[in-house]
Amino acid sequence: MSIETIKKIIFTKYDENCVIFNENENNFKISKENLEEFVKFLKENSDLYFDVLVCITSLDYLDFFKIFYTLHSITKNLYINIYTEIQKGEILPSITWLYSSAEWHEREVYDMMGIKFANHPDLRRILLPNDWEGFPLLKNYETQDIYHNIKVKF
C-alpha cells in the first residue's frame, strides 16, 4: 500500500485542517487534542490496522517539543509516523490504553525530556535514578556536578 492510499483512507475521516501531511518526511501532524482519537483510528481501521507501537520519541526545540509516534501494521506491512507539538509544560494524553508498550516509551520520554502524560498508570523514571535532577535530553540541561558524592562532570 502506498503513502497516497494511506492518505486517502485518513482523509476520508479527517480533513487536511485536522491532519497535516508533510511531503518531505512522510509524517502526519496531528493536534494534541486529537491525538488519542487519531491513533485509535489508525489502530482500529481495518484497511490500515496499525497494531504495533514501535517507538515514541521527542525533540526539544527550546520553545516547544515535537513528539513522534512510529506505528507498524504487521498484516499490511506498513509503517507510519505521526507527530504532535506541545509547548513546554503542557501535558500529553497517554496512549497506554491503546498500546500497552506505550507505558515504557512514555516513561522514557518523561525521564529524558520531562514531558508528562495524562492518565499514565506509572509515570516515573525508567533509566535514571529517582532522585536525579533534571532531564538530560533538554537542550538547556546542565549536568549536576556531584551525584551521591560521585563527580559527574568531567
N, C-alpha and C. Protein backbone atom coordinates (compact mmCIF):
# COMPACT_ATOMS: atom_id res chain seq x y z
N MET A 1 0.85 -1.17 0.00
CA MET A 1 0.00 0.00 0.00
C MET A 1 0.89 1.24 0.00
N SER A 2 0.57 2.19 -0.84
CA SER A 2 1.38 3.40 -0.98
C SER A 2 0.97 4.44 0.06
N ILE A 3 1.83 5.43 0.22
CA ILE A 3 1.52 6.52 1.14
C ILE A 3 0.30 7.29 0.64
N GLU A 4 0.10 7.33 -0.67
CA GLU A 4 -1.08 8.01 -1.23
C GLU A 4 -2.37 7.30 -0.81
N THR A 5 -2.36 5.98 -0.79
CA THR A 5 -3.53 5.22 -0.36
C THR A 5 -3.79 5.45 1.13
N ILE A 6 -2.74 5.46 1.92
CA ILE A 6 -2.88 5.73 3.36
C ILE A 6 -3.48 7.12 3.55
N LYS A 7 -2.98 8.10 2.80
CA LYS A 7 -3.51 9.47 2.90
C LYS A 7 -5.00 9.50 2.57
N LYS A 8 -5.41 8.80 1.52
CA LYS A 8 -6.83 8.79 1.13
C LYS A 8 -7.71 8.21 2.24
N ILE A 9 -7.24 7.13 2.85
CA ILE A 9 -8.01 6.50 3.95
C ILE A 9 -8.11 7.47 5.12
N ILE A 10 -7.01 8.10 5.48
CA ILE A 10 -7.01 9.03 6.60
C ILE A 10 -7.90 10.23 6.31
N PHE A 11 -7.80 10.77 5.09
CA PHE A 11 -8.56 11.98 4.77
C PHE A 11 -10.03 11.71 4.46
N THR A 12 -10.45 10.43 4.49
CA THR A 12 -11.89 10.16 4.43
C THR A 12 -12.54 10.48 5.78
N LYS A 13 -11.74 10.37 6.85
CA LYS A 13 -12.27 10.67 8.20
C LYS A 13 -11.84 12.04 8.69
N TYR A 14 -10.64 12.46 8.38
CA TYR A 14 -10.08 13.72 8.86
C TYR A 14 -9.82 14.65 7.68
N ASP A 15 -10.14 15.93 7.87
CA ASP A 15 -9.82 16.87 6.80
C ASP A 15 -8.38 17.36 6.98
N GLU A 16 -7.90 18.07 5.98
CA GLU A 16 -6.50 18.49 5.99
C GLU A 16 -6.22 19.61 6.97
N ASN A 17 -7.25 20.15 7.62
CA ASN A 17 -7.02 21.12 8.69
C ASN A 17 -6.73 20.41 10.00
N CYS A 18 -7.19 19.17 10.12
CA CYS A 18 -7.01 18.38 11.34
C CYS A 18 -5.70 17.59 11.30
N VAL A 19 -5.42 17.01 10.14
CA VAL A 19 -4.21 16.21 9.95
C VAL A 19 -3.42 16.82 8.81
N ILE A 20 -2.17 17.12 9.06
CA ILE A 20 -1.32 17.73 8.05
C ILE A 20 -0.28 16.71 7.62
N PHE A 21 -0.17 16.49 6.32
CA PHE A 21 0.81 15.55 5.79
C PHE A 21 2.04 16.33 5.36
N ASN A 22 3.20 15.92 5.84
CA ASN A 22 4.46 16.56 5.49
C ASN A 22 5.12 15.75 4.38
N GLU A 23 5.10 16.26 3.17
CA GLU A 23 5.59 15.55 1.98
C GLU A 23 7.06 15.13 2.09
N ASN A 24 7.88 15.97 2.70
CA ASN A 24 9.31 15.69 2.73
C ASN A 24 9.69 14.56 3.68
N GLU A 25 8.86 14.32 4.70
CA GLU A 25 9.25 13.36 5.73
C GLU A 25 8.28 12.19 5.87
N ASN A 26 7.19 12.17 5.10
CA ASN A 26 6.15 11.15 5.24
C ASN A 26 5.63 11.06 6.66
N ASN A 27 5.44 12.22 7.25
CA ASN A 27 4.90 12.30 8.61
C ASN A 27 3.53 12.96 8.58
N PHE A 28 2.67 12.52 9.48
CA PHE A 28 1.37 13.15 9.65
C PHE A 28 1.37 13.91 10.96
N LYS A 29 1.01 15.19 10.90
CA LYS A 29 0.95 16.01 12.10
C LYS A 29 -0.50 16.07 12.58
N ILE A 30 -0.67 15.90 13.88
CA ILE A 30 -2.00 15.93 14.49
C ILE A 30 -1.92 16.81 15.75
N SER A 31 -3.01 17.48 16.07
CA SER A 31 -3.01 18.29 17.28
C SER A 31 -3.05 17.38 18.51
N LYS A 32 -2.57 17.88 19.62
CA LYS A 32 -2.56 17.05 20.83
C LYS A 32 -3.98 16.70 21.27
N GLU A 33 -4.94 17.57 20.95
CA GLU A 33 -6.34 17.33 21.32
C GLU A 33 -6.94 16.15 20.55
N ASN A 34 -6.46 15.91 19.34
CA ASN A 34 -6.99 14.83 18.50
C ASN A 34 -6.08 13.60 18.48
N LEU A 35 -5.00 13.62 19.25
CA LEU A 35 -4.01 12.55 19.19
C LEU A 35 -4.59 11.17 19.51
N GLU A 36 -5.26 11.05 20.65
CA GLU A 36 -5.79 9.73 21.05
C GLU A 36 -6.79 9.19 20.02
N GLU A 37 -7.70 10.03 19.59
CA GLU A 37 -8.72 9.60 18.62
C GLU A 37 -8.07 9.18 17.31
N PHE A 38 -7.05 9.93 16.87
CA PHE A 38 -6.37 9.63 15.60
C PHE A 38 -5.61 8.31 15.69
N VAL A 39 -4.88 8.11 16.77
CA VAL A 39 -4.13 6.86 16.95
C VAL A 39 -5.10 5.68 17.02
N LYS A 40 -6.21 5.87 17.71
CA LYS A 40 -7.23 4.81 17.79
C LYS A 40 -7.76 4.48 16.39
N PHE A 41 -8.01 5.50 15.58
CA PHE A 41 -8.47 5.29 14.20
C PHE A 41 -7.44 4.48 13.41
N LEU A 42 -6.16 4.83 13.53
CA LEU A 42 -5.11 4.11 12.80
C LEU A 42 -5.02 2.65 13.24
N LYS A 43 -5.26 2.40 14.50
CA LYS A 43 -5.18 1.03 15.01
C LYS A 43 -6.41 0.22 14.62
N GLU A 44 -7.60 0.82 14.68
CA GLU A 44 -8.83 0.06 14.50
C GLU A 44 -9.37 0.04 13.07
N ASN A 45 -8.85 0.91 12.21
CA ASN A 45 -9.32 0.91 10.83
C ASN A 45 -8.85 -0.37 10.15
N SER A 46 -9.78 -1.14 9.58
CA SER A 46 -9.44 -2.45 9.01
C SER A 46 -8.56 -2.35 7.77
N ASP A 47 -8.58 -1.22 7.08
CA ASP A 47 -7.72 -1.04 5.91
C ASP A 47 -6.28 -0.71 6.29
N LEU A 48 -6.08 -0.22 7.49
CA LEU A 48 -4.75 0.17 7.95
C LEU A 48 -4.22 -0.79 9.01
N TYR A 49 -4.93 -0.90 10.10
CA TYR A 49 -4.62 -1.79 11.22
C TYR A 49 -3.16 -1.66 11.69
N PHE A 50 -2.83 -0.48 12.20
CA PHE A 50 -1.51 -0.26 12.79
C PHE A 50 -1.53 -0.83 14.21
N ASP A 51 -1.18 -2.10 14.31
CA ASP A 51 -1.34 -2.85 15.55
C ASP A 51 -0.13 -2.82 16.48
N VAL A 52 0.98 -2.22 16.06
CA VAL A 52 2.19 -2.21 16.88
C VAL A 52 2.70 -0.77 17.02
N LEU A 53 2.92 -0.36 18.27
CA LEU A 53 3.61 0.89 18.54
C LEU A 53 5.10 0.56 18.57
N VAL A 54 5.84 1.09 17.62
CA VAL A 54 7.28 0.79 17.52
C VAL A 54 8.08 1.69 18.44
N CYS A 55 7.73 2.96 18.48
CA CYS A 55 8.57 3.90 19.20
C CYS A 55 7.81 5.19 19.49
N ILE A 56 8.15 5.82 20.58
CA ILE A 56 7.76 7.20 20.85
C ILE A 56 9.06 7.93 21.15
N THR A 57 9.26 9.02 20.46
CA THR A 57 10.46 9.81 20.71
C THR A 57 10.10 11.29 20.67
N SER A 58 11.02 12.12 21.12
CA SER A 58 10.70 13.54 21.19
C SER A 58 11.93 14.38 20.85
N LEU A 59 11.66 15.59 20.40
CA LEU A 59 12.72 16.55 20.09
C LEU A 59 12.44 17.85 20.83
N ASP A 60 13.49 18.43 21.36
CA ASP A 60 13.40 19.69 22.08
C ASP A 60 13.76 20.82 21.12
N TYR A 61 12.82 21.76 20.93
CA TYR A 61 13.05 22.93 20.10
C TYR A 61 13.17 24.19 20.96
N LEU A 62 13.54 24.03 22.20
CA LEU A 62 13.67 25.09 23.21
C LEU A 62 12.34 25.73 23.58
N ASP A 63 11.53 26.15 22.62
CA ASP A 63 10.23 26.76 22.92
C ASP A 63 9.11 25.73 22.98
N PHE A 64 9.29 24.60 22.31
CA PHE A 64 8.25 23.58 22.23
C PHE A 64 8.90 22.22 21.99
N PHE A 65 8.08 21.18 22.10
CA PHE A 65 8.51 19.81 21.82
C PHE A 65 7.76 19.27 20.61
N LYS A 66 8.41 18.40 19.85
CA LYS A 66 7.74 17.55 18.88
C LYS A 66 7.83 16.13 19.43
N ILE A 67 6.70 15.43 19.45
CA ILE A 67 6.67 14.06 19.93
C ILE A 67 6.22 13.19 18.76
N PHE A 68 7.05 12.20 18.41
CA PHE A 68 6.82 11.33 17.26
C PHE A 68 6.38 9.94 17.73
N TYR A 69 5.43 9.39 17.02
CA TYR A 69 4.93 8.03 17.26
C TYR A 69 5.12 7.25 15.97
N THR A 70 5.86 6.16 16.02
CA THR A 70 6.03 5.29 14.87
C THR A 70 5.16 4.06 15.08
N LEU A 71 4.26 3.82 14.13
CA LEU A 71 3.33 2.69 14.21
C LEU A 71 3.60 1.73 13.06
N HIS A 72 3.32 0.46 13.29
CA HIS A 72 3.56 -0.58 12.28
C HIS A 72 2.32 -1.46 12.18
N SER A 73 1.97 -1.81 10.96
CA SER A 73 0.92 -2.79 10.72
C SER A 73 1.59 -4.08 10.27
N ILE A 74 1.51 -5.10 11.09
CA ILE A 74 2.15 -6.37 10.75
C ILE A 74 1.47 -7.00 9.55
N THR A 75 0.15 -7.04 9.56
CA THR A 75 -0.58 -7.72 8.48
C THR A 75 -0.47 -6.99 7.15
N LYS A 76 -0.36 -5.66 7.17
CA LYS A 76 -0.28 -4.87 5.93
C LYS A 76 1.16 -4.52 5.57
N ASN A 77 2.09 -4.79 6.49
CA ASN A 77 3.49 -4.44 6.33
C ASN A 77 3.66 -2.95 6.03
N LEU A 78 3.07 -2.11 6.88
CA LEU A 78 3.11 -0.66 6.72
C LEU A 78 3.72 -0.01 7.96
N TYR A 79 4.40 1.10 7.74
CA TYR A 79 4.88 1.94 8.82
C TYR A 79 4.32 3.34 8.61
N ILE A 80 4.09 4.03 9.70
CA ILE A 80 3.63 5.41 9.62
C ILE A 80 4.22 6.17 10.79
N ASN A 81 4.55 7.43 10.55
CA ASN A 81 5.00 8.33 11.62
C ASN A 81 3.95 9.41 11.79
N ILE A 82 3.54 9.61 13.02
CA ILE A 82 2.67 10.74 13.32
C ILE A 82 3.36 11.55 14.40
N TYR A 83 3.09 12.84 14.42
CA TYR A 83 3.69 13.65 15.47
C TYR A 83 2.74 14.76 15.88
N THR A 84 3.01 15.25 17.05
CA THR A 84 2.26 16.38 17.59
C THR A 84 3.27 17.33 18.21
N GLU A 85 2.83 18.56 18.41
CA GLU A 85 3.68 19.56 19.05
C GLU A 85 2.99 20.06 20.31
N ILE A 86 3.79 20.27 21.35
CA ILE A 86 3.26 20.85 22.59
C ILE A 86 4.23 21.92 23.08
N GLN A 87 3.69 22.85 23.82
CA GLN A 87 4.52 23.86 24.46
C GLN A 87 5.15 23.26 25.71
N LYS A 88 6.24 23.85 26.15
CA LYS A 88 6.88 23.41 27.40
C LYS A 88 5.86 23.49 28.53
N GLY A 89 5.79 22.45 29.34
CA GLY A 89 4.88 22.41 30.47
C GLY A 89 3.51 21.83 30.16
N GLU A 90 3.17 21.67 28.88
CA GLU A 90 1.89 21.05 28.54
C GLU A 90 1.96 19.55 28.77
N ILE A 91 0.81 18.94 28.96
CA ILE A 91 0.72 17.50 29.23
C ILE A 91 0.04 16.82 28.05
N LEU A 92 0.60 15.71 27.61
CA LEU A 92 0.03 14.91 26.52
C LEU A 92 -0.86 13.81 27.07
N PRO A 93 -1.86 13.39 26.30
CA PRO A 93 -2.64 12.23 26.73
C PRO A 93 -1.82 10.95 26.54
N SER A 94 -1.93 10.04 27.47
CA SER A 94 -1.26 8.75 27.35
C SER A 94 -2.03 7.87 26.38
N ILE A 95 -1.30 7.06 25.64
CA ILE A 95 -1.96 6.08 24.76
C ILE A 95 -1.74 4.66 25.26
N THR A 96 -1.44 4.52 26.55
CA THR A 96 -1.24 3.18 27.12
C THR A 96 -2.51 2.34 27.04
N TRP A 97 -3.67 2.97 26.99
CA TRP A 97 -4.93 2.23 26.89
C TRP A 97 -5.11 1.64 25.48
N LEU A 98 -4.35 2.14 24.50
CA LEU A 98 -4.38 1.58 23.14
C LEU A 98 -3.24 0.59 22.90
N TYR A 99 -2.07 0.94 23.38
CA TYR A 99 -0.88 0.10 23.21
C TYR A 99 -0.22 -0.06 24.58
N SER A 100 -0.16 -1.27 25.08
CA SER A 100 0.46 -1.47 26.40
C SER A 100 1.94 -1.12 26.37
N SER A 101 2.59 -1.27 25.22
CA SER A 101 4.02 -0.94 25.11
C SER A 101 4.27 0.55 25.29
N ALA A 102 3.25 1.37 25.15
CA ALA A 102 3.42 2.82 25.32
C ALA A 102 3.84 3.16 26.74
N GLU A 103 3.54 2.28 27.69
CA GLU A 103 3.88 2.57 29.08
C GLU A 103 5.37 2.84 29.22
N TRP A 104 6.22 2.00 28.68
CA TRP A 104 7.66 2.20 28.83
C TRP A 104 8.17 3.31 27.92
N HIS A 105 7.62 3.42 26.72
CA HIS A 105 8.05 4.51 25.82
C HIS A 105 7.75 5.87 26.44
N GLU A 106 6.56 6.02 27.00
CA GLU A 106 6.19 7.30 27.62
C GLU A 106 7.03 7.57 28.86
N ARG A 107 7.36 6.55 29.60
CA ARG A 107 8.23 6.73 30.77
C ARG A 107 9.62 7.22 30.34
N GLU A 108 10.13 6.68 29.24
CA GLU A 108 11.45 7.12 28.76
C GLU A 108 11.40 8.58 28.31
N VAL A 109 10.35 8.95 27.58
CA VAL A 109 10.21 10.35 27.15
C VAL A 109 10.12 11.27 28.37
N TYR A 110 9.39 10.85 29.37
CA TYR A 110 9.32 11.63 30.61
C TYR A 110 10.70 11.72 31.28
N ASP A 111 11.39 10.60 31.39
CA ASP A 111 12.67 10.55 32.08
C ASP A 111 13.73 11.41 31.41
N MET A 112 13.76 11.42 30.10
CA MET A 112 14.80 12.14 29.37
C MET A 112 14.44 13.59 29.05
N MET A 113 13.11 13.87 28.87
CA MET A 113 12.70 15.21 28.42
C MET A 113 11.78 15.93 29.40
N GLY A 114 11.20 15.22 30.35
CA GLY A 114 10.31 15.84 31.32
C GLY A 114 8.88 16.03 30.81
N ILE A 115 8.52 15.42 29.70
CA ILE A 115 7.16 15.52 29.16
C ILE A 115 6.26 14.59 29.95
N LYS A 116 5.15 15.12 30.45
CA LYS A 116 4.22 14.32 31.24
C LYS A 116 3.07 13.84 30.38
N PHE A 117 2.53 12.66 30.74
CA PHE A 117 1.44 12.04 30.02
C PHE A 117 0.26 11.83 30.98
N ALA A 118 -0.87 12.45 30.66
CA ALA A 118 -2.06 12.34 31.49
C ALA A 118 -2.58 10.91 31.47
N ASN A 119 -3.02 10.44 32.61
CA ASN A 119 -3.61 9.09 32.78
C ASN A 119 -2.62 7.96 32.54
N HIS A 120 -1.33 8.25 32.64
CA HIS A 120 -0.34 7.18 32.56
C HIS A 120 -0.39 6.38 33.86
N PRO A 121 -0.36 5.04 33.79
CA PRO A 121 -0.53 4.24 35.01
C PRO A 121 0.66 4.28 35.98
N ASP A 122 1.86 4.66 35.50
CA ASP A 122 3.02 4.60 36.39
C ASP A 122 4.13 5.51 35.85
N LEU A 123 3.87 6.80 35.79
CA LEU A 123 4.82 7.74 35.20
C LEU A 123 5.91 8.09 36.21
N ARG A 124 7.01 7.37 36.10
CA ARG A 124 8.18 7.63 36.94
C ARG A 124 9.42 7.34 36.11
N ARG A 125 10.55 7.70 36.61
CA ARG A 125 11.80 7.49 35.86
C ARG A 125 11.99 6.02 35.54
N ILE A 126 12.60 5.78 34.38
CA ILE A 126 12.83 4.39 33.96
C ILE A 126 14.32 4.12 33.71
N LEU A 127 15.09 5.14 33.36
CA LEU A 127 16.51 4.96 33.07
C LEU A 127 17.41 5.57 34.15
N LEU A 128 16.98 6.66 34.70
CA LEU A 128 17.79 7.36 35.70
C LEU A 128 17.27 7.08 37.11
N PRO A 129 18.10 7.30 38.11
CA PRO A 129 17.65 7.13 39.50
C PRO A 129 16.52 8.13 39.81
N ASN A 130 15.66 7.76 40.73
CA ASN A 130 14.50 8.59 41.09
C ASN A 130 14.88 9.98 41.58
N ASP A 131 16.04 10.11 42.19
CA ASP A 131 16.43 11.41 42.74
C ASP A 131 17.33 12.22 41.79
N TRP A 132 17.42 11.81 40.53
CA TRP A 132 18.21 12.55 39.55
C TRP A 132 17.57 13.91 39.30
N GLU A 133 18.39 14.93 39.17
CA GLU A 133 17.89 16.28 38.95
C GLU A 133 17.87 16.61 37.46
N GLY A 134 16.71 17.04 36.97
CA GLY A 134 16.59 17.49 35.59
C GLY A 134 16.34 16.37 34.60
N PHE A 135 16.35 16.79 33.32
CA PHE A 135 16.03 15.88 32.22
C PHE A 135 17.13 16.02 31.16
N PRO A 136 17.99 15.01 31.03
CA PRO A 136 19.24 15.12 30.29
C PRO A 136 19.16 15.42 28.79
N LEU A 137 18.04 15.18 28.13
CA LEU A 137 18.00 15.44 26.70
C LEU A 137 17.44 16.82 26.34
N LEU A 138 17.17 17.63 27.34
CA LEU A 138 16.76 19.00 27.06
C LEU A 138 17.98 19.80 26.60
N LYS A 139 17.78 20.66 25.65
CA LYS A 139 18.91 21.44 25.12
C LYS A 139 19.54 22.35 26.17
N ASN A 140 18.74 22.79 27.14
CA ASN A 140 19.28 23.68 28.16
C ASN A 140 19.66 22.94 29.45
N TYR A 141 19.79 21.63 29.39
CA TYR A 141 20.12 20.82 30.57
C TYR A 141 21.57 21.07 30.98
N GLU A 142 21.76 21.22 32.28
CA GLU A 142 23.11 21.33 32.82
C GLU A 142 23.33 20.17 33.77
N THR A 143 24.35 19.40 33.49
CA THR A 143 24.66 18.24 34.33
C THR A 143 25.03 18.68 35.73
N GLN A 144 24.48 17.98 36.70
CA GLN A 144 24.85 18.30 38.08
C GLN A 144 26.31 17.94 38.31
N ASP A 145 26.96 18.69 39.15
CA ASP A 145 28.39 18.48 39.40
C ASP A 145 28.65 17.17 40.15
N ILE A 146 27.86 16.92 41.18
CA ILE A 146 28.09 15.75 42.02
C ILE A 146 26.76 15.04 42.26
N TYR A 147 26.80 13.73 42.20
CA TYR A 147 25.62 12.91 42.49
C TYR A 147 26.05 11.83 43.47
N HIS A 148 25.51 11.85 44.67
CA HIS A 148 25.85 10.90 45.74
C HIS A 148 27.37 10.78 45.94
N ASN A 149 28.01 11.93 46.08
CA ASN A 149 29.45 12.02 46.30
C ASN A 149 30.27 11.48 45.13
N ILE A 150 29.68 11.40 43.96
CA ILE A 150 30.41 10.97 42.76
C ILE A 150 30.46 12.17 41.82
N LYS A 151 31.66 12.48 41.33
CA LYS A 151 31.80 13.60 40.40
C LYS A 151 31.16 13.20 39.08
N VAL A 152 30.24 14.02 38.60
CA VAL A 152 29.51 13.71 37.36
C VAL A 152 30.17 14.39 36.17
N LYS A 153 30.45 15.69 36.29
CA LYS A 153 31.09 16.41 35.19
C LYS A 153 32.55 16.04 35.08
N PHE A 154 33.05 15.99 33.85
CA PHE A 154 34.46 15.65 33.64
C PHE A 154 35.30 16.88 33.53
